[in-house]
Amino acid sequence: MNLLSDDEIPVGLGMALAENVHAMERFGRMTGQERQTFINRSRQVHSKEEMKQLVYSLDRQEDRISNFDR
């Protein structure tokens, strides 16, 4: 599945995910409902910096999950 070509994903979100491989991988492992919720959150973002922070939060979630498993 190519996550960045999906018509539902806002361009800014796709670009921010493309810049953060770990976040993109996490996004790809989300359930459909989780992905839709995240996409809806991204539509509330008003700047490039906010979008980067939102996407970075996915990367940070992955860090917390990985550290929990250790």
N, C-alpha and C. Protein backbone atom coordinates (compact mmCIF):
# COMPACT_ATOMS: atom_id res chain seq x y z
N MET A 1 0.85 -1.18 0.00
CA MET A 1 0.00 0.00 0.00
C MET A 1 0.89 1.24 0.00
N ASN A 2 0.62 2.18 -0.86
CA ASN A 2 1.35 3.43 -0.92
C ASN A 2 0.58 4.48 -0.13
N LEU A 3 1.04 4.75 1.08
CA LEU A 3 0.31 5.63 1.98
C LEU A 3 0.27 7.08 1.51
N LEU A 4 1.26 7.50 0.75
CA LEU A 4 1.34 8.90 0.39
C LEU A 4 0.55 9.24 -0.87
N SER A 5 0.02 8.26 -1.57
CA SER A 5 -0.77 8.58 -2.76
C SER A 5 -2.26 8.53 -2.48
N ASP A 6 -2.64 8.22 -1.27
CA ASP A 6 -4.05 8.15 -0.90
C ASP A 6 -4.67 9.54 -0.99
N ASP A 7 -5.78 9.65 -1.72
CA ASP A 7 -6.43 10.95 -1.90
C ASP A 7 -6.90 11.57 -0.59
N GLU A 8 -7.11 10.78 0.43
CA GLU A 8 -7.60 11.30 1.69
C GLU A 8 -6.53 11.96 2.53
N ILE A 9 -5.28 11.70 2.24
CA ILE A 9 -4.19 12.25 3.05
C ILE A 9 -3.87 13.65 2.55
N PRO A 10 -3.99 14.65 3.42
CA PRO A 10 -3.64 16.02 3.03
C PRO A 10 -2.18 16.11 2.57
N VAL A 11 -1.92 16.96 1.62
CA VAL A 11 -0.57 17.09 1.06
C VAL A 11 0.46 17.39 2.14
N GLY A 12 0.14 18.29 3.04
CA GLY A 12 1.09 18.65 4.11
C GLY A 12 1.43 17.47 5.00
N LEU A 13 0.45 16.65 5.29
CA LEU A 13 0.69 15.46 6.10
C LEU A 13 1.57 14.49 5.33
N GLY A 14 1.27 14.28 4.08
CA GLY A 14 2.09 13.38 3.26
C GLY A 14 3.53 13.84 3.17
N MET A 15 3.73 15.13 3.03
CA MET A 15 5.09 15.67 2.95
C MET A 15 5.82 15.51 4.27
N ALA A 16 5.13 15.78 5.37
CA ALA A 16 5.76 15.64 6.69
C ALA A 16 6.09 14.18 6.98
N LEU A 17 5.21 13.26 6.59
CA LEU A 17 5.49 11.83 6.78
C LEU A 17 6.69 11.40 5.94
N ALA A 18 6.79 11.93 4.74
CA ALA A 18 7.91 11.59 3.86
C ALA A 18 9.25 12.03 4.45
N GLU A 19 9.22 13.04 5.30
CA GLU A 19 10.45 13.53 5.93
C GLU A 19 10.78 12.78 7.22
N ASN A 20 9.89 11.93 7.68
CA ASN A 20 10.12 11.21 8.94
C ASN A 20 9.76 9.74 8.74
N VAL A 21 10.76 8.95 8.39
CA VAL A 21 10.54 7.55 8.04
C VAL A 21 9.92 6.77 9.20
N HIS A 22 10.38 7.00 10.42
CA HIS A 22 9.83 6.27 11.57
C HIS A 22 8.35 6.58 11.76
N ALA A 23 7.99 7.83 11.63
CA ALA A 23 6.59 8.22 11.77
C ALA A 23 5.76 7.60 10.64
N MET A 24 6.32 7.58 9.42
CA MET A 24 5.60 6.99 8.30
C MET A 24 5.36 5.49 8.54
N GLU A 25 6.36 4.82 9.09
CA GLU A 25 6.20 3.40 9.39
C GLU A 25 5.11 3.19 10.45
N ARG A 26 5.11 4.04 11.46
CA ARG A 26 4.09 3.96 12.51
C ARG A 26 2.71 4.22 11.92
N PHE A 27 2.60 5.21 11.07
CA PHE A 27 1.34 5.54 10.41
C PHE A 27 0.86 4.34 9.60
N GLY A 28 1.77 3.66 8.94
CA GLY A 28 1.42 2.50 8.14
C GLY A 28 0.92 1.32 8.96
N ARG A 29 1.33 1.25 10.21
CA ARG A 29 0.89 0.16 11.08
C ARG A 29 -0.41 0.47 11.83
N MET A 30 -0.90 1.70 11.70
CA MET A 30 -2.15 2.06 12.37
C MET A 30 -3.32 1.32 11.75
N THR A 31 -4.36 1.13 12.55
CA THR A 31 -5.60 0.60 12.01
C THR A 31 -6.24 1.69 11.15
N GLY A 32 -7.20 1.32 10.35
CA GLY A 32 -7.89 2.30 9.52
C GLY A 32 -8.51 3.41 10.34
N GLN A 33 -9.10 3.06 11.48
CA GLN A 33 -9.72 4.07 12.35
C GLN A 33 -8.68 5.00 12.96
N GLU A 34 -7.56 4.44 13.41
CA GLU A 34 -6.48 5.26 13.97
C GLU A 34 -5.94 6.22 12.91
N ARG A 35 -5.75 5.70 11.70
CA ARG A 35 -5.25 6.54 10.61
C ARG A 35 -6.22 7.68 10.31
N GLN A 36 -7.51 7.36 10.25
CA GLN A 36 -8.51 8.38 9.96
C GLN A 36 -8.54 9.45 11.05
N THR A 37 -8.43 9.04 12.30
CA THR A 37 -8.39 9.99 13.42
C THR A 37 -7.17 10.90 13.28
N PHE A 38 -6.03 10.33 12.93
CA PHE A 38 -4.81 11.13 12.77
C PHE A 38 -4.94 12.09 11.60
N ILE A 39 -5.51 11.62 10.50
CA ILE A 39 -5.74 12.48 9.34
C ILE A 39 -6.65 13.64 9.72
N ASN A 40 -7.71 13.35 10.47
CA ASN A 40 -8.62 14.41 10.91
C ASN A 40 -7.89 15.43 11.78
N ARG A 41 -7.01 14.95 12.67
CA ARG A 41 -6.21 15.87 13.50
C ARG A 41 -5.33 16.74 12.61
N SER A 42 -4.77 16.15 11.55
CA SER A 42 -3.87 16.91 10.68
C SER A 42 -4.61 18.02 9.96
N ARG A 43 -5.89 17.87 9.76
CA ARG A 43 -6.67 18.90 9.07
C ARG A 43 -6.92 20.12 9.96
N GLN A 44 -6.61 20.01 11.24
CA GLN A 44 -6.76 21.13 12.17
C GLN A 44 -5.47 21.94 12.31
N VAL A 45 -4.42 21.49 11.65
CA VAL A 45 -3.11 22.13 11.74
C VAL A 45 -3.08 23.37 10.84
N HIS A 46 -2.41 24.42 11.32
CA HIS A 46 -2.41 25.69 10.60
C HIS A 46 -1.04 26.13 10.07
N SER A 47 -0.01 25.33 10.32
CA SER A 47 1.31 25.71 9.82
C SER A 47 2.16 24.46 9.55
N LYS A 48 3.20 24.66 8.78
CA LYS A 48 4.13 23.57 8.48
C LYS A 48 4.79 23.07 9.76
N GLU A 49 5.13 23.97 10.63
CA GLU A 49 5.78 23.59 11.89
C GLU A 49 4.84 22.76 12.76
N GLU A 50 3.58 23.15 12.83
CA GLU A 50 2.60 22.35 13.58
C GLU A 50 2.47 20.95 13.00
N MET A 51 2.49 20.85 11.67
CA MET A 51 2.37 19.54 11.03
C MET A 51 3.57 18.68 11.36
N LYS A 52 4.75 19.28 11.33
CA LYS A 52 5.95 18.52 11.69
C LYS A 52 5.86 18.02 13.12
N GLN A 53 5.35 18.86 14.03
CA GLN A 53 5.21 18.44 15.42
C GLN A 53 4.19 17.30 15.56
N LEU A 54 3.11 17.39 14.82
CA LEU A 54 2.10 16.33 14.86
C LEU A 54 2.71 15.02 14.38
N VAL A 55 3.41 15.05 13.27
CA VAL A 55 4.04 13.84 12.73
C VAL A 55 5.13 13.35 13.66
N TYR A 56 5.88 14.26 14.26
CA TYR A 56 6.92 13.89 15.22
C TYR A 56 6.31 13.15 16.41
N SER A 57 5.08 13.50 16.76
CA SER A 57 4.42 12.82 17.88
C SER A 57 4.24 11.33 17.58
N LEU A 58 4.06 10.97 16.31
CA LEU A 58 3.99 9.55 15.95
C LEU A 58 5.33 8.88 16.19
N ASP A 59 6.41 9.55 15.82
CA ASP A 59 7.75 9.02 16.02
C ASP A 59 8.01 8.83 17.51
N ARG A 60 7.58 9.78 18.32
CA ARG A 60 7.77 9.69 19.77
C ARG A 60 6.94 8.55 20.36
N GLN A 61 5.74 8.32 19.84
CA GLN A 61 4.93 7.19 20.30
C GLN A 61 5.68 5.89 20.07
N GLU A 62 6.32 5.78 18.93
CA GLU A 62 7.08 4.57 18.59
C GLU A 62 8.21 4.38 19.59
N ASP A 63 8.90 5.48 19.96
CA ASP A 63 9.98 5.39 20.95
C ASP A 63 9.45 4.87 22.28
N ARG A 64 8.30 5.37 22.70
CA ARG A 64 7.73 4.93 23.98
C ARG A 64 7.34 3.46 23.93
N ILE A 65 6.78 3.03 22.83
CA ILE A 65 6.40 1.62 22.68
C ILE A 65 7.63 0.74 22.69
N SER A 66 8.67 1.14 21.97
CA SER A 66 9.91 0.36 21.91
C SER A 66 10.56 0.28 23.28
N ASN A 67 10.60 1.38 24.01
CA ASN A 67 11.20 1.38 25.33
C ASN A 67 10.40 0.54 26.31
N PHE A 68 9.10 0.49 26.15
CA PHE A 68 8.24 -0.30 27.02
C PHE A 68 8.53 -1.79 26.85
N ASP A 69 8.82 -2.21 25.63
CA ASP A 69 9.07 -3.62 25.33
C ASP A 69 10.40 -4.11 25.86
N ARG A 70 11.28 -3.21 26.21
CA ARG A 70 12.62 -3.61 26.67
C ARG A 70 12.60 -4.02 28.13
